[in-house]
Protein backbone atom coordinates (compact mmCIF):
# COMPACT_ATOMS: atom_id res chain seq x y z
CA MET A 1 0.00 0.00 0.00
CA THR A 2 1.41 3.35 -1.03
CA THR A 3 1.67 6.26 1.36
CA PRO A 4 1.65 10.00 0.59
CA ASP A 5 5.41 10.08 1.19
CA THR A 6 5.94 7.21 -1.26
CA ARG A 7 3.83 8.91 -3.91
CA ALA A 8 5.68 12.18 -3.36
CA GLU A 9 9.05 10.43 -3.76
CA PHE A 10 7.80 8.76 -6.94
CA ARG A 11 6.68 12.10 -8.39
CA GLN A 12 10.03 13.63 -7.53
CA ALA A 13 11.84 10.76 -9.26
CA VAL A 14 9.67 11.19 -12.34
CA ASN A 15 10.28 14.93 -12.38
CA ARG A 16 14.04 14.38 -12.18
CA GLN A 17 13.87 12.21 -15.30
CA ARG A 18 11.42 14.43 -17.21
CA HIS A 19 14.23 15.55 -19.51
CA ALA A 20 14.43 11.95 -20.81
CA ALA A 21 10.83 11.88 -22.11
CA VAL A 22 11.67 13.10 -25.62
CA PRO A 23 14.62 10.74 -26.26
CA LEU A 24 12.55 7.87 -24.84
CA ALA A 25 9.66 8.58 -27.22
CA LEU A 26 12.10 8.87 -30.12
CA LEU A 27 13.75 5.61 -29.07
CA VAL A 28 10.43 3.75 -29.27
CA VAL A 29 9.75 5.15 -32.76
CA LEU A 30 13.25 4.30 -34.00
CA LEU A 31 13.10 0.76 -32.63
CA ALA A 32 9.83 0.24 -34.50
CA LEU A 33 11.39 1.58 -37.72
CA ALA A 34 14.46 -0.59 -37.21
CA ALA A 35 12.24 -3.66 -36.75
CA LEU A 36 10.49 -2.89 -40.04
CA ARG A 37 13.51 -1.88 -42.11
CA GLY A 38 16.32 -3.97 -40.62
CA PRO A 39 15.10 -6.79 -38.36
CA ASP A 40 18.60 -8.32 -38.36
CA LEU A 41 19.45 -5.78 -35.65
CA PHE A 42 17.36 -7.80 -33.21
CA THR A 43 19.29 -11.02 -33.73
CA ALA A 44 22.12 -11.99 -31.38
CA GLY A 45 24.72 -11.08 -33.99
CA GLY A 46 22.99 -7.82 -34.85
CA MET A 47 22.80 -6.72 -31.23
CA ALA A 48 26.41 -7.72 -30.62
CA GLY A 49 27.54 -5.55 -33.53
CA ALA A 50 25.33 -2.68 -32.40
CA ILE A 51 26.82 -2.77 -28.90
CA SER A 52 30.38 -2.65 -30.19
CA VAL A 53 29.58 0.31 -32.49
CA ALA A 54 27.42 2.30 -30.06
CA THR A 55 29.52 1.85 -26.91
CA PRO A 56 32.20 4.51 -27.69
CA LEU A 57 29.48 7.07 -28.48
CA ILE A 58 27.49 6.24 -25.33
CA LEU A 59 30.60 6.59 -23.17
CA ALA A 60 31.63 9.84 -24.87
CA THR A 61 28.16 11.30 -24.28
CA LEU A 62 28.31 10.28 -20.62
CA ALA A 63 31.68 12.03 -20.42
CA LEU A 64 30.04 15.27 -21.56
CA THR A 65 27.17 15.02 -19.09
CA PRO A 66 28.73 16.01 -15.73
CA ILE A 67 30.55 18.97 -17.30
CA ALA A 68 27.34 20.26 -18.87
CA ILE A 69 25.38 19.76 -15.64
CA ALA A 70 28.10 21.70 -13.77
CA GLY A 71 26.97 24.85 -15.57
CA ARG A 72 28.61 27.98 -16.98
CA GLY A 73 27.69 26.82 -20.47
CA GLY A 74 30.11 23.94 -20.18
CA VAL A 75 30.22 21.52 -23.08
CA ASP A 76 33.48 19.71 -23.75
CA LEU A 77 34.23 20.33 -27.41
CA ALA A 78 37.53 18.47 -26.99
CA VAL A 79 35.90 15.13 -26.15
CA GLY A 80 36.38 13.70 -29.66
CA PRO A 81 40.07 14.56 -30.11
CA VAL A 82 40.81 13.46 -26.53
CA LEU A 83 39.05 10.15 -27.19
CA VAL A 84 41.19 9.75 -30.31
CA PHE A 85 44.29 10.85 -28.35
CA VAL A 86 43.76 7.85 -26.07
CA ASN A 87 43.49 5.67 -29.16
CA VAL A 88 46.62 6.86 -30.96
CA THR A 89 48.80 6.91 -27.83
CA VAL A 90 47.77 3.38 -26.91
CA ILE A 91 48.64 2.18 -30.42
CA HIS A 92 51.76 4.28 -31.08
CA TRP A 93 53.27 4.64 -27.61
CA LEU A 94 52.32 1.38 -25.91
CA VAL A 95 51.55 -1.33 -28.46
CA ALA A 96 54.30 -0.21 -30.84
CA ASN A 97 56.75 -0.65 -27.94
CA ASP A 98 55.43 -4.13 -27.11
CA ILE A 99 53.39 -2.98 -24.11
CA THR A 100 50.22 -4.96 -24.72
CA SER A 101 49.09 -6.10 -21.28
CA PRO A 102 45.58 -5.00 -20.22
CA LEU A 103 47.11 -4.19 -16.81
CA ALA A 104 49.08 -1.43 -18.54
CA ILE A 105 46.72 -0.29 -21.31
CA ILE A 106 43.49 0.08 -19.30
CA PRO A 107 45.01 2.20 -16.48
CA PHE A 108 46.89 4.24 -19.08
CA ALA A 109 43.68 5.05 -20.99
CA LEU A 110 41.86 6.05 -17.81
CA ALA A 111 44.81 8.13 -16.60
CA VAL A 112 45.06 10.02 -19.89
CA GLY A 113 41.36 10.87 -19.81
CA ILE A 114 41.43 12.01 -16.19
CA VAL A 115 44.62 14.10 -16.52
CA VAL A 116 43.43 15.88 -19.65
CA GLN A 117 40.06 16.65 -18.09
CA LEU A 118 41.62 17.91 -14.85
CA ILE A 119 43.86 20.27 -16.83
CA GLN A 120 40.80 21.69 -18.57
CA GLY A 121 38.95 21.83 -15.25
CA LEU A 122 41.78 23.78 -13.60
CA ALA A 123 41.77 26.33 -16.43
CA ILE A 124 38.01 26.79 -16.02
CA ALA A 125 37.74 26.68 -12.22
CA VAL A 126 40.96 28.38 -11.13
CA LEU A 127 41.78 30.73 -14.01
CA ARG A 128 38.05 31.46 -14.54
CA LEU A 129 38.30 31.03 -18.29
CA GLN A 130 35.13 30.39 -20.28
CA PRO A 131 34.54 26.64 -20.74
CA VAL A 132 33.84 27.01 -24.46
CA VAL A 133 37.19 28.77 -24.95
CA VAL A 134 39.10 26.16 -22.96
CA THR A 135 37.49 23.16 -24.62
CA LEU A 136 37.71 24.67 -28.11
CA SER A 137 41.42 25.21 -27.49
CA GLY A 138 41.63 21.60 -26.32
CA PHE A 139 39.86 20.49 -29.49
CA LEU A 140 42.42 22.27 -31.67
CA VAL A 141 45.44 21.18 -29.62
CA PHE A 142 44.53 17.51 -29.43
CA ALA A 143 43.32 17.33 -33.02
CA GLY A 144 46.80 18.49 -34.01
CA LEU A 145 48.57 16.19 -31.54
CA ASP A 146 46.64 13.20 -32.82
CA LEU A 147 48.00 13.78 -36.32
CA VAL A 148 51.51 14.42 -35.03
CA ILE A 149 51.54 11.17 -33.08
CA LEU A 150 49.95 9.13 -35.86
CA SER A 151 49.84 10.86 -39.22
CA LYS A 152 47.46 8.36 -40.82
CA PRO A 153 45.35 5.37 -39.80
CA GLY A 154 47.52 2.39 -38.96
CA GLY A 155 48.91 0.14 -36.30
CA GLU A 156 47.26 -2.84 -34.73
CA ALA A 157 45.50 -3.29 -31.41
CA PRO A 158 46.50 -6.24 -29.21
CA GLY A 159 44.44 -9.35 -29.75
CA TRP A 160 42.53 -9.16 -26.46
CA LEU A 161 41.43 -5.57 -27.16
CA ALA A 162 40.52 -6.22 -30.81
CA SER A 163 38.30 -9.10 -29.68
CA TRP A 164 36.36 -6.68 -27.45
CA GLY A 165 35.10 -4.79 -30.49
CA ALA A 166 34.66 -7.73 -32.84
CA GLY A 167 30.88 -7.64 -32.41
CA THR A 168 30.45 -11.39 -32.86
CA ASP A 169 29.21 -12.43 -29.42
CA LEU A 170 26.36 -10.80 -27.53
CA LEU A 171 27.88 -11.57 -24.13
CA SER A 172 31.15 -9.87 -24.99
CA PRO A 173 33.63 -7.76 -22.99
CA ALA A 174 32.19 -4.71 -24.75
CA LEU A 175 28.82 -5.41 -23.15
CA LEU A 176 30.45 -5.91 -19.77
CA VAL A 177 32.36 -2.63 -20.07
CA LEU A 178 29.16 -0.81 -21.04
CA LEU A 179 27.16 -2.34 -18.20
CA GLY A 180 29.97 -1.61 -15.75
CA ALA A 181 30.08 2.01 -16.91
CA LEU A 182 26.31 2.34 -16.48
CA VAL A 183 26.45 0.87 -12.98
CA ALA A 184 29.30 3.25 -12.12
CA TRP A 185 27.26 6.17 -13.42
CA ALA A 186 24.24 5.11 -11.35
CA LEU A 187 26.40 5.08 -8.22
CA ILE A 188 27.99 8.43 -9.08
CA ALA A 189 24.57 10.00 -9.72
CA ARG A 190 23.55 9.13 -6.16
CA SER A 191 26.68 10.58 -4.58
CA THR A 192 27.01 13.83 -2.66
CA LEU A 193 29.52 15.05 -5.24
CA PHE A 194 27.01 14.72 -8.07
CA ARG A 195 24.31 16.42 -6.03
CA ASN A 196 26.72 19.31 -5.48
CA ILE A 197 27.56 19.39 -9.19
CA ARG A 198 23.88 19.69 -10.04
CA LEU A 199 23.29 22.42 -7.45
CA MET A 200 26.34 24.33 -8.66
CA GLY A 201 25.09 24.10 -12.23
CA SER A 202 21.67 25.41 -11.22
CA ASN A 203 23.01 28.41 -9.32
CA GLU A 204 26.64 28.94 -8.33
CA ARG A 205 25.79 31.60 -5.75
CA THR A 206 23.26 29.38 -4.02
CA ALA A 207 25.71 26.50 -4.06
CA TYR A 208 28.46 28.66 -2.55
CA ALA A 209 26.09 30.00 0.10
CA SER A 210 25.18 26.39 0.96
CA GLY A 211 28.82 25.66 1.76
CA ILE A 212 29.73 23.82 -1.45
CA GLN A 213 33.38 24.22 -2.48
CA LEU A 214 33.04 25.25 -6.12
CA ILE A 215 36.57 24.54 -7.36
CA PRO A 216 36.81 20.95 -6.01
CA THR A 217 33.27 20.27 -7.21
CA ARG A 218 34.01 21.42 -10.75
CA LEU A 219 37.23 19.42 -10.77
CA GLY A 220 35.20 16.44 -9.59
CA ALA A 221 32.89 16.84 -12.60
CA HIS A 222 35.91 16.85 -14.92
CA ALA A 223 37.44 13.83 -13.19
CA ILE A 224 34.21 11.87 -13.73
CA ALA A 225 34.26 12.95 -17.37
CA GLY A 226 37.89 11.80 -17.64
CA VAL A 227 37.02 8.26 -16.58
CA PHE A 228 34.33 7.96 -19.24
CA VAL A 229 36.35 9.58 -22.03
CA GLY A 230 39.22 7.20 -21.22
CA LEU A 231 36.84 4.25 -21.49
CA ALA A 232 35.42 5.69 -24.72
CA GLY A 233 38.92 5.89 -26.21
CA LEU A 234 39.62 2.32 -25.16
CA MET A 235 36.40 1.02 -26.74
CA TYR A 236 37.01 3.09 -29.88
CA THR A 237 40.37 1.33 -30.17
CA ALA A 238 38.64 -2.02 -29.69
CA LEU A 239 36.08 -1.15 -32.38
CA ILE A 240 38.57 -0.25 -35.12
CA ALA A 241 41.35 -2.58 -33.84
CA SER A 242 43.97 -0.01 -34.87
CA GLY A 243 44.78 3.68 -34.60
CA ASP A 244 42.90 6.42 -36.47
CA PRO A 245 43.61 10.13 -35.80
CA THR A 246 40.91 11.44 -38.13
CA GLN A 247 37.63 10.87 -36.27
CA GLY A 248 37.91 13.37 -33.42
CA ASP A 249 35.69 16.08 -34.90
CA THR A 250 33.04 13.51 -35.86
CA TYR A 251 32.79 12.12 -32.34
CA THR A 252 32.59 15.61 -30.84
CA LEU A 253 29.70 16.63 -33.09
CA ILE A 254 27.75 13.41 -32.61
CA ALA A 255 28.33 13.26 -28.83
CA VAL A 256 27.25 16.88 -28.32
CA THR A 257 24.15 16.21 -30.44
CA ALA A 258 23.36 13.12 -28.35
CA LEU A 259 23.86 15.12 -25.15
CA VAL A 260 21.40 17.84 -26.17
CA LEU A 261 18.97 15.33 -27.65
CA GLY A 262 19.07 13.51 -24.29
CA GLY A 263 17.69 16.58 -22.54
CA THR A 264 20.79 17.86 -20.74
CA SER A 265 20.73 21.65 -20.56
CA LEU A 266 23.93 23.41 -21.60
CA ALA A 267 22.96 26.12 -19.09
CA GLY A 268 23.64 23.61 -16.31
CA GLY A 269 21.75 21.90 -13.51
CA LEU A 270 19.41 19.83 -15.67
CA GLY A 271 19.97 16.47 -17.26
CA GLY A 272 21.35 13.06 -16.42
CA GLY A 273 22.93 9.88 -17.63
CA LEU A 274 19.66 8.19 -18.63
CA GLY A 275 18.83 10.88 -21.19
CA SER A 276 22.42 10.93 -22.49
CA VAL A 277 22.46 7.18 -23.01
CA MET A 278 19.12 7.24 -24.84
CA GLY A 279 20.25 10.21 -26.94
CA ALA A 280 23.34 8.28 -28.05
CA ILE A 281 21.28 5.17 -28.81
CA ASP A 282 18.82 7.31 -30.78
CA LEU A 283 21.62 8.63 -33.00
CA PHE A 284 22.94 5.13 -33.57
CA LEU A 285 19.45 3.95 -34.54
CA ILE A 286 18.97 6.90 -36.88
CA SER A 287 22.18 5.96 -38.66
CA TYR A 288 21.15 2.30 -38.75
CA VAL A 289 17.66 2.96 -40.13
CA LEU A 290 19.01 5.31 -42.80
CA SER A 291 21.59 2.69 -43.81
CA THR A 292 18.69 0.45 -44.89
CA PHE A 293 17.85 2.96 -47.64
CA ASP A 294 19.88 3.48 -50.80
CA PHE A 295 20.96 7.12 -50.91
CA GLY A 296 24.04 6.43 -52.97
CA SER A 297 26.87 8.90 -52.47
CA SER A 298 24.56 11.23 -50.50
CA THR A 299 24.26 8.87 -47.51
CA ALA A 300 26.58 10.86 -45.23
CA PHE A 301 24.79 14.11 -46.08
CA VAL A 302 21.36 12.56 -45.41
CA VAL A 303 22.52 11.22 -42.03
CA GLN A 304 23.87 14.62 -40.94
CA LEU A 305 20.73 16.36 -42.20
CA THR A 306 18.53 13.93 -40.28
CA TYR A 307 20.57 14.43 -37.11
CA GLY A 308 20.01 18.18 -37.36
CA LEU A 309 16.29 17.94 -38.08
CA VAL A 310 15.67 15.43 -35.29
CA LEU A 311 17.59 17.59 -32.83
CA VAL A 312 15.62 20.73 -33.71
CA CYS A 313 12.29 18.89 -33.52
CA ALA A 314 13.21 17.26 -30.21
CA LEU A 315 14.21 20.60 -28.69
CA ALA A 316 11.01 22.24 -29.92
CA PHE A 317 8.87 19.40 -28.56
CA GLY A 318 10.73 19.45 -25.23
CA SER A 319 10.18 23.21 -24.91
CA LEU A 320 6.48 22.74 -25.67
CA VAL A 321 6.18 20.06 -22.98
CA THR A 322 7.94 22.33 -20.46
CA ILE A 323 5.55 25.18 -21.23
CA VAL A 324 2.49 22.93 -20.89
CA VAL A 325 3.71 21.51 -17.57
CA ALA A 326 4.45 25.00 -16.22
CA ARG A 327 0.98 26.24 -17.19
CA ARG A 328 -0.70 23.25 -15.59
CA ARG A 329 1.14 23.95 -12.36
CA THR A 330 0.07 27.58 -12.52
CA TRP A 331 -3.57 26.61 -13.06
CA ARG A 332 -3.43 24.10 -10.18
CA ALA A 333 -1.92 26.70 -7.86
CA ALA A 334 -4.58 29.25 -8.86
CA GLY A 335 -7.32 26.66 -8.31
CA ALA A 336 -5.97 25.76 -4.89
CA GLN A 337 -5.92 29.41 -3.83
CA ALA A 338 -9.49 29.88 -5.07
């Protein structure tokens, strides 16, 4: 039997996830289209391949989420080149020098992601530079470094890592990494640090007045992002089984689109991992459904055009829902007073 307190907690939980309504509705539509156009996706092999392809994007979008929630218009434009930086350094610095053990490669990937993000976080939190300026600079710097380290696609991932992205078995290491990352996110989202990140993103002055240390909190958001971008770089390496310095800008654009589509506000304070994950899956499904049509040489253009149109429509629909909900609350308050 439910109590008023239980119902109130349930409503609060629903309200916290309201931003995920649009990507959830889109996900249902896209799954139906995928079932009609490409039912092979729902076979064991199809789902295994989908997991290996979508995992780097999901992890990259999760990496963007805490920084955006932290506010000040924070969106990490460098996420793609940093993801690729993990890839090319693993291939060119470690594997090329016969360092192939997972006990070396996995900690290295995570450390690179965390260090890079903390450097950006220090520039934003301590030097008070605008996040867009810092991350755009990071985008340019790491895009150049990627090409300096590895001038063209090449190299070979160690066998154990290449097997992670093979996409042949449903119960693969890629699935375990993804599930582990989602569990880690769920635990982080319930932590005091994440609550402080959200409050800081909503209103820095209120957060400061509440006793929250703004600099450590912002650095905490970047450290969380570093873990996920390191994992994204690792799974990107598993997917392509080599090094490729050319995909940084693509991952940045798609991950930012997935972030916004998932309902996370770039103004800060609003959003969460659930919406980001569904936004990334939505973009994967859009690409998959469109691949079932024959657009010839215009396929890439059609995919990008569809991404843009879906994003605009989702934002417009989300704004409409917000307006309707706000008006209903106003009418209820006026009725209660009457």
